[in-house]
Amino acid sequence: MAESSGIEWTDATWNPLTGCTKISAGCANCYAEPLSRRLQLMGSDRYHNGFELTLHEHVIDLPMRWKRPRRVFVNSMSDLFHVDVPTDFIQRVFATMVAAKWHQYQILTKRSDRLSELAGQLPWPEQIWQGVTVESAAYVSRIDHLRAVPAMTRFLSLEPLLGPIPNLDLSGIHWVIIGGESGSRSRPIEREWVIDIIAQCDAQQVPVFFKQWGGPAKHLAGRSLDGRTYDGLPAPPSQRIALPTLFPEE
């Protein structure tokens, strides 16, 4: 948990669970795994299990203690919809998000199948944003799962972007984050992939946040494209303009 965050698209992180298991290509160089091991070696109580999935009951109500409104990334060090997280624990995390309604909550998962299964058992007020990670075209089925979730703000994290994603269907999606992988073992991102995805988002009127080029020294690579930064955020539901249908009724 942290009352502030260096992640460009959020203000704070909240980790009622930590640790995870790898599920797809984007997990190969997971930043949370070495960080968890490091915190374990440093003697952190919350990371005594290292990167093993661990529930932290005592921080479920943490956002209630934050009085200043902020955007909160939920489980930056895990995945709330991991198969081994009990449903009632997930429901209690959601209950906190409902109660502490002065914040906005950004949830990301790669386990879109479980998200889809549980969506009907969870509340979806405006402050809860739900997203899925799609690191390449091999995982676009996660977007279909997300579309079925009745969240008022649905978003994609295309990070780490590991390949092109042509023909991206953004119907029912309100925000897209793009980012390259960082770290000593980072896999390269191609400029053409980023340009194409931004063009697709523009054509479908979906705001884009380009987070980083990544690489071994991400601070040197920066996050600008042709001298421009992309800092888009989703509009509030009440301010969104519906796109015209391609096939209006006769």
Protein backbone atom coordinates (compact mmCIF):
# COMPACT_ATOMS: atom_id res chain seq x y z
CA MET A 1 0.00 0.00 0.00
CA ALA A 2 1.12 3.56 -0.53
CA GLU A 3 -0.42 6.95 -0.01
CA SER A 4 1.25 8.11 -3.20
CA SER A 5 2.36 6.35 -6.36
CA GLY A 6 4.95 6.82 -9.09
CA ILE A 7 2.57 5.23 -11.60
CA GLU A 8 1.72 8.02 -13.99
CA TRP A 9 -2.01 7.34 -14.35
CA THR A 10 -2.90 6.98 -10.67
CA ASP A 11 -2.42 8.80 -7.36
CA ALA A 12 -2.11 5.98 -4.83
CA THR A 13 -1.97 2.20 -4.57
CA TRP A 14 -3.95 -0.05 -2.24
CA ASN A 15 -2.98 -3.70 -1.83
CA PRO A 16 -5.42 -5.75 0.25
CA LEU A 17 -3.63 -8.73 -1.25
CA THR A 18 -0.08 -9.26 -2.45
CA GLY A 19 1.65 -11.97 -4.45
CA CYS A 20 0.45 -13.74 -7.56
CA THR A 21 1.11 -16.50 -10.09
CA LYS A 22 1.97 -16.08 -13.75
CA ILE A 23 -0.79 -16.57 -16.26
CA SER A 24 0.31 -15.14 -19.62
CA ALA A 25 3.19 -13.64 -21.61
CA GLY A 26 2.91 -10.25 -19.94
CA CYS A 27 3.74 -11.83 -16.57
CA ALA A 28 7.20 -13.08 -17.57
CA ASN A 29 9.09 -10.10 -16.16
CA CYS A 30 6.53 -9.01 -13.56
CA TYR A 31 7.81 -5.98 -11.64
CA ALA A 32 5.93 -7.03 -8.49
CA GLU A 33 7.82 -10.31 -8.07
CA PRO A 34 11.37 -8.98 -7.48
CA LEU A 35 9.96 -6.08 -5.47
CA SER A 36 8.13 -8.52 -3.21
CA ARG A 37 11.30 -10.58 -2.72
CA ARG A 38 13.24 -7.43 -1.91
CA LEU A 39 10.67 -6.33 0.66
CA GLN A 40 10.75 -9.82 2.17
CA LEU A 41 14.53 -9.62 2.60
CA MET A 42 14.12 -6.19 4.17
CA GLY A 43 11.87 -7.73 6.82
CA SER A 44 8.57 -6.15 5.74
CA ASP A 45 5.73 -7.75 7.71
CA ARG A 46 3.39 -7.60 4.74
CA TYR A 47 5.83 -9.47 2.51
CA HIS A 48 6.95 -12.24 4.84
CA ASN A 49 5.57 -14.69 2.22
CA GLY A 50 7.49 -13.05 -0.60
CA PHE A 51 5.50 -13.34 -3.81
CA GLU A 52 3.10 -15.99 -2.53
CA LEU A 53 -0.53 -14.88 -2.68
CA THR A 54 -1.33 -13.34 0.72
CA LEU A 55 -4.53 -11.66 1.94
CA HIS A 56 -4.22 -8.64 4.22
CA GLU A 57 -7.41 -8.25 6.22
CA HIS A 58 -6.10 -5.25 8.15
CA VAL A 59 -5.89 -3.01 5.06
CA ILE A 60 -9.30 -3.74 3.56
CA ASP A 61 -10.64 -0.50 5.05
CA LEU A 62 -7.56 1.62 4.24
CA PRO A 63 -9.28 3.98 1.73
CA MET A 64 -11.76 4.93 4.44
CA ARG A 65 -8.84 6.57 6.28
CA TRP A 66 -7.82 8.68 3.29
CA LYS A 67 -9.94 11.80 3.43
CA ARG A 68 -8.50 13.56 0.39
CA PRO A 69 -10.05 12.21 -2.86
CA ARG A 70 -7.63 10.38 -5.11
CA ARG A 71 -7.43 7.85 -7.91
CA VAL A 72 -6.48 4.53 -6.35
CA PHE A 73 -4.90 1.61 -8.21
CA VAL A 74 -6.29 -1.50 -6.52
CA ASN A 75 -3.75 -4.32 -6.10
CA SER A 76 -0.70 -3.05 -7.93
CA MET A 77 1.12 -6.04 -6.36
CA SER A 78 -1.40 -8.77 -7.17
CA ASP A 79 -4.62 -9.59 -9.04
CA LEU A 80 -7.92 -9.22 -7.19
CA PHE A 81 -9.56 -11.86 -9.39
CA HIS A 82 -6.91 -14.54 -8.85
CA VAL A 83 -8.60 -17.94 -8.63
CA ASP A 84 -7.36 -18.45 -5.06
CA VAL A 85 -8.88 -15.23 -3.70
CA PRO A 86 -12.16 -16.10 -1.92
CA THR A 87 -15.26 -14.49 -3.39
CA ASP A 88 -16.27 -13.04 -0.03
CA PHE A 89 -12.89 -11.29 0.24
CA ILE A 90 -13.41 -9.70 -3.18
CA GLN A 91 -16.89 -8.61 -2.11
CA ARG A 92 -15.50 -6.96 1.03
CA VAL A 93 -12.92 -5.07 -1.04
CA PHE A 94 -15.78 -3.85 -3.24
CA ALA A 95 -17.79 -2.89 -0.14
CA THR A 96 -14.95 -0.58 0.91
CA MET A 97 -14.90 1.01 -2.55
CA VAL A 98 -18.64 1.61 -2.34
CA ALA A 99 -18.38 3.12 1.15
CA ALA A 100 -15.34 5.33 0.44
CA LYS A 101 -17.06 6.83 -2.58
CA TRP A 102 -14.98 10.02 -2.65
CA HIS A 103 -12.14 8.13 -4.37
CA GLN A 104 -11.95 6.62 -7.86
CA TYR A 105 -10.75 3.01 -7.99
CA GLN A 106 -8.84 1.46 -10.88
CA ILE A 107 -8.87 -2.34 -10.91
CA LEU A 108 -6.81 -4.32 -13.44
CA THR A 109 -6.92 -8.05 -14.04
CA LYS A 110 -5.56 -10.60 -16.48
CA ARG A 111 -8.11 -13.09 -15.15
CA SER A 112 -11.02 -11.74 -17.14
CA ASP A 113 -12.85 -15.07 -17.08
CA ARG A 114 -13.26 -14.93 -13.30
CA LEU A 115 -14.13 -11.25 -13.47
CA SER A 116 -16.90 -12.10 -15.91
CA GLU A 117 -18.17 -14.90 -13.67
CA LEU A 118 -18.31 -12.71 -10.54
CA ALA A 119 -19.43 -9.42 -12.10
CA GLY A 120 -23.10 -10.03 -11.33
CA GLN A 121 -22.30 -10.52 -7.64
CA LEU A 122 -20.50 -7.19 -7.30
CA PRO A 123 -21.66 -3.56 -7.11
CA TRP A 124 -20.57 -1.18 -9.86
CA PRO A 125 -21.03 2.46 -8.78
CA GLU A 126 -19.45 5.20 -10.88
CA GLN A 127 -16.25 5.40 -8.81
CA ILE A 128 -15.19 1.82 -9.59
CA TRP A 129 -13.32 1.52 -12.89
CA GLN A 130 -12.63 -1.98 -14.19
CA GLY A 131 -9.89 -2.84 -16.64
CA VAL A 132 -8.11 -5.79 -18.22
CA THR A 133 -4.53 -6.18 -19.38
CA VAL A 134 -4.08 -7.06 -23.05
CA GLU A 135 -0.41 -7.39 -23.88
CA SER A 136 -0.82 -8.62 -27.46
CA ALA A 137 -3.42 -9.71 -29.98
CA ALA A 138 -3.35 -13.20 -28.41
CA TYR A 139 -5.34 -11.88 -25.43
CA VAL A 140 -8.05 -9.72 -27.00
CA SER A 141 -10.69 -12.17 -25.73
CA ARG A 142 -10.25 -10.47 -22.35
CA ILE A 143 -11.86 -7.38 -23.87
CA ASP A 144 -15.02 -9.35 -24.66
CA HIS A 145 -15.18 -10.49 -21.04
CA LEU A 146 -14.74 -6.89 -19.88
CA ARG A 147 -17.51 -5.63 -22.16
CA ALA A 148 -19.96 -7.87 -20.29
CA VAL A 149 -19.09 -6.24 -16.94
CA PRO A 150 -21.58 -3.51 -15.93
CA ALA A 151 -18.87 -1.11 -14.78
CA MET A 152 -19.54 2.49 -15.80
CA THR A 153 -15.89 2.94 -16.78
CA ARG A 154 -14.11 0.06 -18.55
CA PHE A 155 -10.49 0.37 -19.61
CA LEU A 156 -7.58 -1.49 -21.18
CA SER A 157 -3.96 -1.63 -20.12
CA LEU A 158 -1.86 -2.53 -23.16
CA GLU A 159 1.25 -2.89 -21.01
CA PRO A 160 3.69 -4.41 -21.44
CA LEU A 161 2.82 -4.09 -25.13
CA LEU A 162 4.51 -7.10 -26.71
CA GLY A 163 3.14 -6.99 -30.25
CA PRO A 164 0.80 -5.18 -32.62
CA ILE A 165 -2.93 -5.24 -31.91
CA PRO A 166 -4.71 -4.57 -35.20
CA ASN A 167 -8.49 -4.33 -35.57
CA LEU A 168 -8.93 -3.36 -31.93
CA ASP A 169 -12.63 -3.31 -31.08
CA LEU A 170 -13.13 -0.58 -28.50
CA SER A 171 -16.89 -0.64 -28.33
CA GLY A 172 -17.90 -0.28 -24.68
CA ILE A 173 -14.34 0.74 -23.70
CA HIS A 174 -13.74 4.19 -22.22
CA TRP A 175 -9.96 4.46 -21.82
CA VAL A 176 -6.76 2.86 -23.11
CA ILE A 177 -3.32 2.84 -21.44
CA ILE A 178 -0.29 1.93 -23.57
CA GLY A 179 3.16 1.16 -22.22
CA GLY A 180 6.38 -0.64 -22.99
CA GLU A 181 8.05 -3.11 -20.65
CA SER A 182 10.77 -1.78 -18.36
CA GLY A 183 13.68 -3.40 -16.56
CA SER A 184 16.90 -5.18 -17.45
CA ARG A 185 15.07 -8.02 -19.24
CA SER A 186 12.49 -5.84 -20.97
CA ARG A 187 11.20 -6.90 -24.36
CA PRO A 188 11.18 -4.18 -27.03
CA ILE A 189 8.16 -2.13 -28.04
CA GLU A 190 7.86 -0.94 -31.63
CA ARG A 191 6.95 2.62 -32.49
CA GLU A 192 4.61 1.43 -35.24
CA TRP A 193 2.52 -0.56 -32.74
CA VAL A 194 1.99 2.52 -30.61
CA ILE A 195 1.14 4.79 -33.54
CA ASP A 196 -1.39 2.28 -34.90
CA ILE A 197 -3.13 1.79 -31.55
CA ILE A 198 -3.36 5.54 -30.95
CA ALA A 199 -4.87 5.96 -34.42
CA GLN A 200 -7.43 3.25 -33.66
CA CYS A 201 -8.32 4.94 -30.38
CA ASP A 202 -8.70 8.31 -32.11
CA ALA A 203 -10.96 6.80 -34.75
CA GLN A 204 -13.18 5.29 -32.04
CA GLN A 205 -13.04 8.39 -29.81
CA VAL A 206 -11.38 6.62 -26.87
CA PRO A 207 -8.86 8.65 -24.80
CA VAL A 208 -5.30 7.35 -24.62
CA PHE A 209 -2.68 7.50 -21.88
CA PHE A 210 0.78 6.61 -23.21
CA LYS A 211 2.65 5.66 -20.05
CA GLN A 212 6.18 4.87 -21.19
CA TRP A 213 8.49 3.49 -23.85
CA GLY A 214 10.10 1.39 -21.13
CA GLY A 215 13.41 -0.37 -21.62
CA PRO A 216 16.33 -0.87 -19.20
CA ALA A 217 16.34 2.88 -18.38
CA LYS A 218 12.72 3.95 -18.76
CA HIS A 219 13.39 7.40 -17.32
CA LEU A 220 15.71 8.10 -20.26
CA ALA A 221 13.33 6.71 -22.87
CA GLY A 222 10.52 8.92 -21.57
CA ARG A 223 6.90 8.84 -22.66
CA SER A 224 6.58 11.26 -25.54
CA LEU A 225 5.77 10.39 -29.15
CA ASP A 226 6.88 12.86 -31.81
CA GLY A 227 7.19 15.56 -29.18
CA ARG A 228 3.75 14.96 -27.70
CA THR A 229 2.61 13.26 -24.52
CA TYR A 230 -0.71 11.46 -24.36
CA ASP A 231 -2.38 12.02 -21.00
CA GLY A 232 -5.99 11.14 -21.81
CA LEU A 233 -8.39 10.11 -19.06
CA PRO A 234 -11.94 8.79 -19.35
CA ALA A 235 -14.70 11.37 -19.29
CA PRO A 236 -17.28 11.04 -16.49
CA PRO A 237 -20.19 8.87 -17.65
CA SER A 238 -22.57 11.85 -17.67
CA GLN A 239 -20.34 13.71 -20.14
CA ARG A 240 -19.82 10.95 -22.69
CA ILE A 241 -21.20 11.29 -26.18
CA ALA A 242 -22.51 8.08 -27.67
CA LEU A 243 -21.00 7.17 -31.02
CA PRO A 244 -23.49 6.98 -33.90
CA THR A 245 -24.43 3.50 -34.97
CA LEU A 246 -22.91 2.29 -38.21
CA PHE A 247 -26.23 0.82 -39.26
CA PRO A 248 -29.04 3.17 -38.25
CA GLU A 249 -32.52 1.79 -38.36
CA GLU A 250 -34.33 2.45 -41.62
